[in-house]
Amino acid sequence: MTLPPASDMKSDTMKSRYLALFGAVLVLASSARAATFNFTGNLRSEASSYNGLGLGVGNNRTKNFIATRALLFPNLVVDDHFSVKSQWSLLTSPNFTADATAPLGVGQGAYVFGDTAARALVLSRAWLEWVSDIGVFRLGRMPVTWGYGLFYDAGDGIWDNYQSTWDRLEYRLHLGYVVGGLAYTKGDKGSVFANENDQEFFGAFLRYDNPEVEVEAGLLYEKQQRSATQGADLSGRTARNPQFHNKATYTAANSLAHPLNNNLVDLYMKKTTGFFTYGGEVSWISGNAVSLSGGNPTPMNALAVMLSAAVDYRKVKGSLEFVYASGDSNINSGDATGFVLLHRNRSPGLILGRELLGAQGSESVGLGTPLAYSGASSFSGLFYLKPSVRVEWSPSLTTTVDLILARKAAVGGGEDANLGIEIDLGAEYSVYKNLKLGADLGLLAAGAGIAAPGGSLAYALRSTMSLAF
């Protein structure tokens, strides 16, 4: 008798445990006198063709695939005070897409048609919410979001590929329009021997949300502590975006500094006046980072800024988005200035920011980032400007035009800052209330920062379907 590989056996065992847990929840929901069980979810599918991704640096790298993602959000309401919420991905292809099976839920997952290594029924979030007379308590592996999503983004949009999911204990107190809170977060834990390989975040936040005057603002402070052992580990395995376990191999994979013991301060504001909505977010990281030389920690001072303005006039909606994340022209200088924790949902275009290009191209799907195109001794950071226009021709049909102008925020010797100009055209048609069909066309004139002369043009065609229930 031939046994299946150990990895398959382990996967089947975990799947059985998840099914047993899911069944137990259903039994509990049906048998508990006061408990009710409900769920929502969504399904998305795309057929995509990307051409010219090599940009003259590598081969043509034409990429063609069909991908689908189905998510379920079960909610067990025990009574007026207690509920248990979760997120399940029905199928995921961790070798190709944002991995729903990775620790702390790097992505929501997706299934690439024909992938024999796809995994089934992945539980990526589960947390308890307790509404008491003295506030709201949340405990478990939960979504975390803040402001415009420069640092924390729950990624609940149907076309989001990444999400902030953390093991966390959180307390919130609601006083009218003001919400205050405290949080203790375990970002990553590689050992149970004291804090030998550990992350601990201690946070406090204050948010004001007044729908009567259409103002929302918030202030977040977080003390982030990582052990030296984990800091060294992270700096080697997650180059270019240490907040996520990126499968792409980047030039500086073993030399990019990672925050070690630092402070995060984030402030955002959003205001609506008549047809106009405007606001912004500023995120500042200070403290120290992993030393690249193995000596004393390196001082760290990094900044990210997002500004947004939008107009909503009848059937026409226009917006302008500006994002800046500081870079580091010399990561060996003894000072770390790269905002390496920029959330990966801040990817501006259908091509630029979604797929890896040029010499960094890979067989992955949706794992791109504009931060990937630095030299061995620099970290690019990012600057982009994105004007958009959306027209609602009827209750069922809308069209969108996006223009993206992107540059590196910092460059090393001999590098070019220009990432390129991209134009994306999209159309979406609502067949039924919750069923939408769409088509997208993207055209990228890549800059010298990622392309060789004569190989600067890439284009993409995509058809989409989405269903919310």
Protein backbone atom coordinates (compact mmCIF):
# COMPACT_ATOMS: atom_id res chain seq x y z
CA MET A 1 0.00 0.00 0.00
CA THR A 2 1.30 3.47 -0.92
CA LEU A 3 0.65 6.24 1.55
CA PRO A 4 -0.04 9.81 0.37
CA PRO A 5 2.66 12.40 1.02
CA ALA A 6 2.90 13.63 4.58
CA SER A 7 1.94 17.15 3.48
CA ASP A 8 -1.29 15.83 1.93
CA MET A 9 -2.07 13.81 5.04
CA LYS A 10 -1.52 16.87 7.20
CA SER A 11 -3.74 18.95 4.90
CA ASP A 12 -6.50 16.31 5.05
CA THR A 13 -6.21 16.19 8.84
CA MET A 14 -6.51 19.96 9.16
CA LYS A 15 -9.43 19.95 6.75
CA SER A 16 -11.20 17.31 8.84
CA ARG A 17 -10.68 19.41 11.96
CA TYR A 18 -12.12 22.49 10.25
CA LEU A 19 -15.13 20.49 9.04
CA ALA A 20 -15.66 19.08 12.52
CA LEU A 21 -15.44 22.57 14.01
CA PHE A 22 -17.84 23.94 11.42
CA GLY A 23 -20.27 21.10 12.11
CA ALA A 24 -20.05 21.69 15.84
CA VAL A 25 -20.87 25.36 15.33
CA LEU A 26 -23.92 24.44 13.25
CA VAL A 27 -25.11 21.97 15.88
CA LEU A 28 -24.61 24.54 18.61
CA ALA A 29 -26.47 27.16 16.61
CA SER A 30 -29.44 24.88 15.99
CA SER A 31 -29.64 23.52 19.53
CA ALA A 32 -28.99 26.63 21.61
CA ARG A 33 -32.24 28.21 22.66
CA ALA A 34 -31.22 31.83 22.08
CA ALA A 35 -28.58 31.35 19.40
CA THR A 36 -29.08 32.10 15.73
CA PHE A 37 -26.79 31.35 12.83
CA ASN A 38 -26.44 33.28 9.60
CA PHE A 39 -23.80 33.95 7.03
CA THR A 40 -22.98 36.27 4.17
CA GLY A 41 -20.39 35.86 1.45
CA ASN A 42 -19.20 36.72 -1.99
CA LEU A 43 -17.92 35.04 -5.12
CA ARG A 44 -15.65 36.65 -7.69
CA SER A 45 -14.14 35.31 -10.89
CA GLU A 46 -11.82 36.73 -13.53
CA ALA A 47 -10.39 35.63 -16.86
CA SER A 48 -7.22 37.64 -17.44
CA SER A 49 -4.55 38.02 -20.07
CA TYR A 50 -1.38 40.04 -19.38
CA ASN A 51 1.09 40.73 -22.18
CA GLY A 52 4.58 42.19 -22.32
CA LEU A 53 5.25 41.90 -18.59
CA GLY A 54 8.97 41.32 -19.23
CA LEU A 55 9.28 44.94 -20.42
CA GLY A 56 12.48 44.17 -22.33
CA VAL A 57 14.29 43.06 -19.16
CA GLY A 58 13.17 39.43 -19.19
CA ASN A 59 11.22 37.42 -21.76
CA ASN A 60 7.73 38.49 -22.88
CA ARG A 61 6.13 36.85 -19.83
CA THR A 62 2.60 36.65 -21.18
CA LYS A 63 0.31 35.56 -18.35
CA ASN A 64 -3.10 33.93 -18.89
CA PHE A 65 -5.32 32.48 -16.19
CA ILE A 66 -8.84 32.06 -14.83
CA ALA A 67 -9.17 32.61 -11.09
CA THR A 68 -12.12 32.39 -8.71
CA ARG A 69 -12.52 33.21 -5.04
CA ALA A 70 -15.44 32.25 -2.80
CA LEU A 71 -15.61 33.59 0.75
CA LEU A 72 -18.09 32.81 3.52
CA PHE A 73 -18.62 34.94 6.64
CA PRO A 74 -20.52 32.83 9.20
CA ASN A 75 -21.93 34.67 12.22
CA LEU A 76 -23.13 32.82 15.31
CA VAL A 77 -25.24 35.14 17.48
CA VAL A 78 -25.51 33.58 20.93
CA ASP A 79 -27.64 36.38 22.40
CA ASP A 80 -27.73 40.17 22.55
CA HIS A 81 -24.26 40.25 24.08
CA PHE A 82 -22.19 37.48 22.47
CA SER A 83 -21.42 36.58 18.88
CA VAL A 84 -18.74 34.51 17.15
CA LYS A 85 -17.66 35.62 13.67
CA SER A 86 -15.36 33.98 11.14
CA GLN A 87 -14.10 33.97 7.58
CA TRP A 88 -13.67 30.90 5.33
CA SER A 89 -12.10 30.62 1.91
CA LEU A 90 -13.64 27.68 0.04
CA LEU A 91 -10.70 27.12 -2.34
CA THR A 92 -7.24 28.68 -2.45
CA SER A 93 -4.14 28.29 -4.62
CA PRO A 94 -1.34 29.31 -2.23
CA ASN A 95 1.38 28.79 -4.85
CA PHE A 96 -0.12 31.45 -7.13
CA THR A 97 -2.28 33.91 -5.20
CA ALA A 98 -2.36 35.97 -2.02
CA ASP A 99 -2.21 33.08 0.42
CA ALA A 100 -5.26 32.48 2.62
CA THR A 101 -3.40 29.54 4.23
CA ALA A 102 -0.45 31.63 5.47
CA PRO A 103 -0.16 32.48 9.18
CA LEU A 104 -2.33 35.43 10.19
CA GLY A 105 -4.20 35.42 6.88
CA VAL A 106 -1.98 37.25 4.43
CA GLY A 107 -4.79 37.24 1.85
CA GLN A 108 -8.30 36.01 1.20
CA GLY A 109 -7.02 33.43 -1.24
CA ALA A 110 -8.17 32.53 -4.75
CA TYR A 111 -8.37 29.38 -6.83
CA VAL A 112 -6.60 29.30 -10.18
CA PHE A 113 -8.42 26.93 -12.54
CA GLY A 114 -6.48 23.73 -13.09
CA ASP A 115 -4.30 24.02 -9.99
CA THR A 116 -4.04 20.50 -8.55
CA ALA A 117 -2.36 21.87 -5.40
CA ALA A 118 -5.36 23.99 -4.40
CA ARG A 119 -6.52 23.65 -0.80
CA ALA A 120 -10.13 23.50 0.32
CA LEU A 121 -12.04 25.11 3.18
CA VAL A 122 -9.49 27.39 4.83
CA LEU A 123 -10.45 29.14 8.08
CA SER A 124 -8.56 32.45 8.14
CA ARG A 125 -10.47 34.45 10.79
CA ALA A 126 -12.41 33.58 13.94
CA TRP A 127 -13.14 35.93 16.81
CA LEU A 128 -15.55 36.57 19.69
CA GLU A 129 -17.38 39.86 20.22
CA TRP A 130 -18.87 40.65 23.62
CA VAL A 131 -21.08 43.73 23.91
CA SER A 132 -21.30 44.70 27.58
CA ASP A 133 -22.56 47.66 29.57
CA ILE A 134 -19.00 48.96 29.88
CA GLY A 135 -17.89 48.55 26.27
CA VAL A 136 -17.21 46.11 23.46
CA PHE A 137 -14.60 43.35 23.82
CA ARG A 138 -13.16 41.46 20.84
CA LEU A 139 -10.88 38.45 21.11
CA GLY A 140 -9.37 36.17 18.49
CA ARG A 141 -7.97 36.27 14.95
CA MET A 142 -9.80 39.29 13.60
CA PRO A 143 -9.76 41.95 10.85
CA VAL A 144 -8.12 45.26 11.70
CA THR A 145 -8.73 48.45 9.75
CA TRP A 146 -7.86 52.09 10.25
CA GLY A 147 -8.39 55.28 8.29
CA TYR A 148 -7.70 55.07 4.56
CA GLY A 149 -5.70 51.87 5.02
CA LEU A 150 -2.10 53.05 4.76
CA PHE A 151 -1.06 50.67 7.51
CA TYR A 152 -4.12 48.61 8.53
CA ASP A 153 -6.72 47.55 5.97
CA ALA A 154 -9.28 44.81 6.63
CA GLY A 155 -9.41 44.16 2.89
CA ASP A 156 -13.14 43.37 2.86
CA GLY A 157 -13.68 44.74 -0.65
CA ILE A 158 -14.64 42.04 -3.12
CA TRP A 159 -11.60 42.84 -5.33
CA ASP A 160 -9.12 43.32 -2.48
CA ASN A 161 -6.33 40.74 -2.49
CA TYR A 162 -4.79 41.48 0.92
CA GLN A 163 -6.10 42.02 4.41
CA SER A 164 -4.91 42.92 7.90
CA THR A 165 -5.70 39.94 10.12
CA TRP A 166 -4.20 39.79 13.61
CA ASP A 167 -4.41 37.78 16.80
CA ARG A 168 -5.73 40.47 19.07
CA LEU A 169 -7.50 41.43 22.28
CA GLU A 170 -9.38 44.69 21.85
CA TYR A 171 -11.60 46.89 24.01
CA ARG A 172 -13.79 49.70 22.65
CA LEU A 173 -15.87 52.28 24.52
CA HIS A 174 -18.55 54.17 22.59
CA LEU A 175 -19.50 57.60 23.96
CA GLY A 176 -21.80 59.23 21.45
CA TYR A 177 -19.79 60.21 18.40
CA VAL A 178 -16.49 59.33 20.11
CA VAL A 179 -14.98 55.84 20.20
CA GLY A 180 -11.92 55.09 22.31
CA GLY A 181 -10.09 51.80 22.45
CA LEU A 182 -7.14 49.77 23.68
CA ALA A 183 -5.60 46.77 21.94
CA TYR A 184 -2.99 44.09 22.56
CA THR A 185 -1.81 42.32 19.42
CA LYS A 186 0.37 39.29 18.75
CA GLY A 187 1.77 40.03 15.32
CA ASP A 188 3.86 36.90 14.91
CA LYS A 189 5.13 34.27 17.32
CA GLY A 190 7.84 31.74 16.54
CA SER A 191 8.61 30.41 20.03
CA VAL A 192 6.94 29.98 23.43
CA PHE A 193 10.23 30.39 25.34
CA ALA A 194 9.67 33.78 26.98
CA ASN A 195 9.82 36.36 24.15
CA GLU A 196 12.63 34.62 22.29
CA ASN A 197 10.90 34.93 18.91
CA ASP A 198 7.92 37.17 19.37
CA GLN A 199 6.00 40.31 18.37
CA GLU A 200 3.88 42.34 20.77
CA PHE A 201 1.95 45.47 19.82
CA PHE A 202 0.30 47.73 22.42
CA GLY A 203 -2.15 50.20 20.92
CA ALA A 204 -4.57 52.97 21.82
CA PHE A 205 -6.91 54.83 19.50
CA LEU A 206 -9.49 57.59 19.54
CA ARG A 207 -11.99 58.09 16.73
CA TYR A 208 -14.67 60.73 16.13
CA ASP A 209 -17.49 59.93 13.70
CA ASN A 210 -20.35 62.41 13.37
CA PRO A 211 -22.70 61.59 10.47
CA GLU A 212 -24.76 64.73 11.12
CA VAL A 213 -21.92 67.04 10.06
CA GLU A 214 -20.29 64.30 7.93
CA VAL A 215 -16.92 64.36 9.69
CA GLU A 216 -14.74 61.40 10.61
CA ALA A 217 -11.28 61.58 12.21
CA GLY A 218 -9.01 59.36 14.25
CA LEU A 219 -5.70 59.15 16.09
CA LEU A 220 -3.85 55.85 16.59
CA TYR A 221 -0.74 55.16 18.66
CA GLU A 222 0.93 51.77 18.71
CA LYS A 223 4.06 50.56 20.47
CA GLN A 224 5.55 47.73 18.43
CA GLN A 225 8.08 45.37 19.97
CA ARG A 226 9.84 42.56 18.10
CA SER A 227 12.52 40.32 19.52
CA ALA A 228 15.99 40.55 17.96
CA THR A 229 15.67 36.92 16.87
CA GLN A 230 12.45 37.60 15.00
CA GLY A 231 13.69 40.88 13.59
CA ALA A 232 16.62 39.14 11.90
CA ASP A 233 14.30 36.43 10.62
CA LEU A 234 11.83 38.95 9.15
CA SER A 235 14.50 41.06 7.46
CA GLY A 236 15.61 38.02 5.49
CA ARG A 237 12.30 36.48 4.47
CA THR A 238 9.96 39.35 3.67
CA ALA A 239 11.95 41.90 1.73
CA ARG A 240 10.11 44.89 0.24
CA ASN A 241 7.02 44.40 2.38
CA PRO A 242 7.73 42.80 5.76
CA GLN A 243 4.11 42.95 6.89
CA PHE A 244 3.34 40.12 4.48
CA HIS A 245 4.92 36.81 3.58
CA ASN A 246 5.66 37.67 -0.04
CA LYS A 247 6.58 34.68 -2.21
CA ALA A 248 8.32 36.86 -4.80
CA THR A 249 12.11 37.00 -4.72
CA TYR A 250 13.43 40.55 -4.69
CA THR A 251 16.90 41.90 -5.27
CA ALA A 252 17.55 42.91 -1.67
CA ALA A 253 15.88 39.87 -0.11
CA ASN A 254 18.55 39.44 2.54
CA SER A 255 19.43 43.02 3.32
CA LEU A 256 16.31 45.11 3.93
CA ALA A 257 15.93 46.49 7.45
CA HIS A 258 12.75 45.66 9.36
CA PRO A 259 11.26 47.66 12.28
CA LEU A 260 12.43 46.20 15.58
CA ASN A 261 11.31 48.36 18.52
CA ASN A 262 9.32 51.31 17.30
CA ASN A 263 6.39 53.68 17.68
CA LEU A 264 3.61 54.11 15.14
CA VAL A 265 1.50 57.29 15.10
CA ASP A 266 -1.32 57.53 12.55
CA LEU A 267 -3.75 60.40 12.06
CA TYR A 268 -6.59 60.58 9.52
CA MET A 269 -9.53 62.84 8.70
CA LYS A 270 -12.44 62.69 6.25
CA LYS A 271 -15.00 65.45 5.58
CA THR A 272 -18.00 65.68 3.23
CA THR A 273 -19.40 69.04 2.13
CA GLY A 274 -22.18 68.98 -0.43
CA PHE A 275 -20.91 67.16 -3.51
CA PHE A 276 -17.32 67.06 -2.22
CA THR A 277 -15.47 64.66 0.06
CA TYR A 278 -11.86 65.21 1.02
CA GLY A 279 -9.40 63.98 3.60
CA GLY A 280 -6.12 62.29 4.22
CA GLU A 281 -3.97 60.10 6.43
CA VAL A 282 -0.44 60.44 7.81
CA SER A 283 1.43 57.47 9.25
CA TRP A 284 4.81 57.87 10.98
CA ILE A 285 7.13 55.12 12.20
CA SER A 286 10.02 55.99 14.54
CA GLY A 287 12.36 53.90 16.66
CA ASN A 288 14.91 51.41 15.43
CA ALA A 289 15.23 48.62 12.91
CA VAL A 290 17.22 45.45 12.43
CA SER A 291 20.86 46.27 11.80
CA LEU A 292 22.02 44.99 8.42
CA SER A 293 25.56 44.52 9.73
CA GLY A 294 24.48 42.46 12.74
CA GLY A 295 25.59 45.18 15.16
CA ASN A 296 23.52 47.65 17.16
CA PRO A 297 19.99 48.41 15.90
CA THR A 298 19.65 51.03 13.17
CA PRO A 299 17.64 54.22 13.89
CA MET A 300 14.40 54.31 11.92
CA ASN A 301 12.29 57.25 10.79
CA ALA A 302 9.73 56.62 8.02
CA LEU A 303 6.64 58.44 6.77
CA ALA A 304 3.60 57.68 4.61
CA VAL A 305 0.96 60.17 3.45
CA MET A 306 -2.32 59.75 1.61
CA LEU A 307 -4.52 62.60 0.37
CA SER A 308 -7.91 62.07 -1.24
CA ALA A 309 -10.50 64.31 -2.85
CA ALA A 310 -13.73 63.25 -4.55
CA VAL A 311 -16.80 64.82 -6.12
CA ASP A 312 -20.14 63.04 -6.48
CA TYR A 313 -22.44 64.98 -8.78
CA ARG A 314 -25.47 63.07 -9.98
CA LYS A 315 -24.22 60.41 -12.39
CA VAL A 316 -20.59 61.52 -12.47
CA LYS A 317 -18.09 60.69 -9.74
CA GLY A 318 -14.55 61.98 -9.87
CA SER A 319 -11.67 61.38 -7.47
CA LEU A 320 -8.00 62.24 -7.03
CA GLU A 321 -5.73 60.09 -4.86
CA PHE A 322 -2.16 60.86 -3.84
CA VAL A 323 0.03 58.36 -1.96
CA TYR A 324 3.58 58.84 -0.74
CA ALA A 325 5.65 56.29 1.19
CA SER A 326 9.21 57.29 2.04
CA GLY A 327 12.08 55.34 0.52
CA ASP A 328 15.72 54.81 1.41
CA SER A 329 18.41 55.60 -1.17
CA ASN A 330 21.05 53.73 0.86
CA ILE A 331 19.86 50.97 3.19
CA ASN A 332 23.43 50.52 4.47
CA SER A 333 23.86 54.12 5.64
CA GLY A 334 22.97 53.44 9.28
CA ASP A 335 19.55 55.13 9.11
CA ALA A 336 16.38 53.34 7.94
CA THR A 337 13.94 55.72 6.22
CA GLY A 338 11.87 53.35 4.09
CA PHE A 339 8.18 52.97 4.95
CA VAL A 340 8.36 49.20 4.48
CA LEU A 341 4.98 48.58 6.17
CA LEU A 342 2.82 50.23 3.49
CA HIS A 343 -0.27 48.06 3.08
CA ARG A 344 -0.30 46.10 -0.16
CA ASN A 345 -3.87 47.08 -0.99
CA ARG A 346 -2.35 50.46 -1.88
CA SER A 347 -1.57 49.09 -5.34
CA PRO A 348 -2.63 51.70 -7.86
CA GLY A 349 -3.36 49.95 -11.17
CA LEU A 350 -4.53 46.84 -12.98
CA ILE A 351 -0.94 46.16 -14.08
CA LEU A 352 1.37 48.38 -12.03
CA GLY A 353 1.00 47.27 -8.43
CA ARG A 354 -0.92 44.08 -9.20
CA GLU A 355 1.58 42.06 -11.24
CA LEU A 356 5.36 41.79 -10.89
CA LEU A 357 7.09 43.26 -13.93
CA GLY A 358 10.41 43.22 -15.73
CA ALA A 359 13.22 41.28 -14.09
CA GLN A 360 11.01 40.74 -11.02
CA GLY A 361 8.26 38.96 -13.01
CA SER A 362 6.95 35.70 -11.60
CA GLU A 363 4.28 33.05 -12.11
CA SER A 364 2.20 34.44 -9.25
CA VAL A 365 -1.17 36.18 -9.66
CA GLY A 366 -1.93 39.49 -7.96
CA LEU A 367 1.24 39.47 -5.85
CA GLY A 368 2.77 42.58 -7.38
CA THR A 369 3.86 45.71 -5.55
CA PRO A 370 5.33 48.99 -6.84
CA LEU A 371 7.96 48.69 -4.08
CA ALA A 372 9.72 45.78 -5.81
CA TYR A 373 11.94 47.62 -8.27
CA SER A 374 14.83 48.88 -6.14
CA GLY A 375 18.50 48.11 -6.52
CA ALA A 376 20.38 45.88 -4.10
CA SER A 377 21.27 48.78 -1.77
CA SER A 378 18.08 50.86 -1.86
CA PHE A 379 14.38 50.73 -1.03
CA SER A 380 12.24 52.61 -3.53
CA GLY A 381 9.30 53.70 -1.47
CA LEU A 382 6.46 55.01 -3.61
CA PHE A 383 4.81 58.13 -4.97
CA TYR A 384 1.74 57.97 -7.16
CA LEU A 385 -1.04 60.25 -8.33
CA LYS A 386 -4.30 58.66 -9.46
CA PRO A 387 -7.18 60.71 -10.95
CA SER A 388 -10.34 58.69 -11.70
CA VAL A 389 -13.72 59.35 -13.32
CA ARG A 390 -16.76 57.08 -12.94
CA VAL A 391 -19.96 57.60 -14.94
CA GLU A 392 -23.26 55.89 -14.10
CA TRP A 393 -24.99 55.75 -17.47
CA SER A 394 -27.97 53.88 -15.98
CA PRO A 395 -28.79 52.05 -12.75
CA SER A 396 -27.14 48.98 -14.32
CA LEU A 397 -24.20 50.29 -16.38
CA THR A 398 -21.14 52.20 -15.17
CA THR A 399 -17.78 53.00 -16.78
CA THR A 400 -14.51 54.03 -15.14
CA VAL A 401 -11.30 55.69 -16.33
CA ASP A 402 -8.21 55.64 -14.09
CA LEU A 403 -4.89 57.34 -14.80
CA ILE A 404 -1.84 56.39 -12.68
CA LEU A 405 1.43 58.30 -12.60
CA ALA A 406 3.96 56.49 -10.41
CA ARG A 407 7.53 57.14 -9.30
CA LYS A 408 9.98 55.86 -6.71
CA ALA A 409 10.28 58.06 -3.65
CA ALA A 410 14.02 57.37 -3.38
CA VAL A 411 16.65 55.95 -5.72
CA GLY A 412 20.16 54.62 -5.31
CA GLY A 413 23.12 55.32 -7.55
CA GLY A 414 22.39 54.58 -11.21
CA GLU A 415 18.65 53.98 -10.67
CA ASP A 416 15.81 55.74 -12.45
CA ALA A 417 12.81 56.98 -10.43
CA ASN A 418 10.16 56.70 -13.17
CA LEU A 419 7.85 53.69 -12.74
CA GLY A 420 5.56 54.69 -15.56
CA ILE A 421 2.14 55.91 -16.62
CA GLU A 422 -0.86 53.59 -16.78
CA ILE A 423 -4.39 54.09 -18.03
CA ASP A 424 -7.16 51.67 -17.05
CA LEU A 425 -10.60 51.54 -18.67
CA GLY A 426 -13.40 49.59 -17.03
CA ALA A 427 -17.09 48.85 -17.53
CA GLU A 428 -19.48 47.08 -15.16
CA TYR A 429 -23.03 45.87 -15.75
CA SER A 430 -25.44 44.76 -13.00
CA VAL A 431 -27.35 41.77 -14.30
CA TYR A 432 -29.26 41.42 -11.04
CA LYS A 433 -29.10 43.27 -7.75
CA ASN A 434 -26.02 41.42 -6.47
CA LEU A 435 -24.60 39.97 -9.69
CA LYS A 436 -22.22 42.12 -11.74
CA LEU A 437 -20.29 41.51 -14.94
CA GLY A 438 -17.32 43.60 -15.95
CA ALA A 439 -14.49 44.15 -18.41
CA ASP A 440 -11.18 45.98 -17.94
CA LEU A 441 -8.42 47.14 -20.24
CA GLY A 442 -5.06 48.32 -18.88
CA LEU A 443 -2.19 49.89 -20.77
CA LEU A 444 1.16 50.61 -19.07
CA ALA A 445 3.95 52.73 -20.52
CA ALA A 446 6.59 51.60 -18.05
CA GLY A 447 9.35 53.95 -16.99
CA ALA A 448 13.06 53.26 -16.99
CA GLY A 449 12.79 52.35 -13.32
CA ILE A 450 11.44 48.90 -14.29
CA ALA A 451 11.95 48.57 -18.05
CA ALA A 452 14.75 48.29 -20.56
CA PRO A 453 14.83 50.61 -23.62
CA GLY A 454 12.48 49.35 -26.31
CA GLY A 455 10.46 47.17 -23.94
CA SER A 456 8.32 49.66 -22.06
CA LEU A 457 4.78 48.68 -23.11
CA ALA A 458 2.51 46.16 -21.34
CA TYR A 459 -1.23 45.65 -21.62
CA ALA A 460 -3.92 43.61 -19.89
CA LEU A 461 -7.43 42.40 -20.71
CA ARG A 462 -9.75 41.13 -17.99
CA SER A 463 -13.36 39.99 -17.78
CA THR A 464 -14.93 39.75 -14.34
CA MET A 465 -17.96 38.44 -12.49
CA SER A 466 -18.91 39.13 -8.87
CA LEU A 467 -21.76 37.92 -6.70
CA ALA A 468 -22.55 39.07 -3.18
CA PHE A 469 -25.00 37.22 -0.95
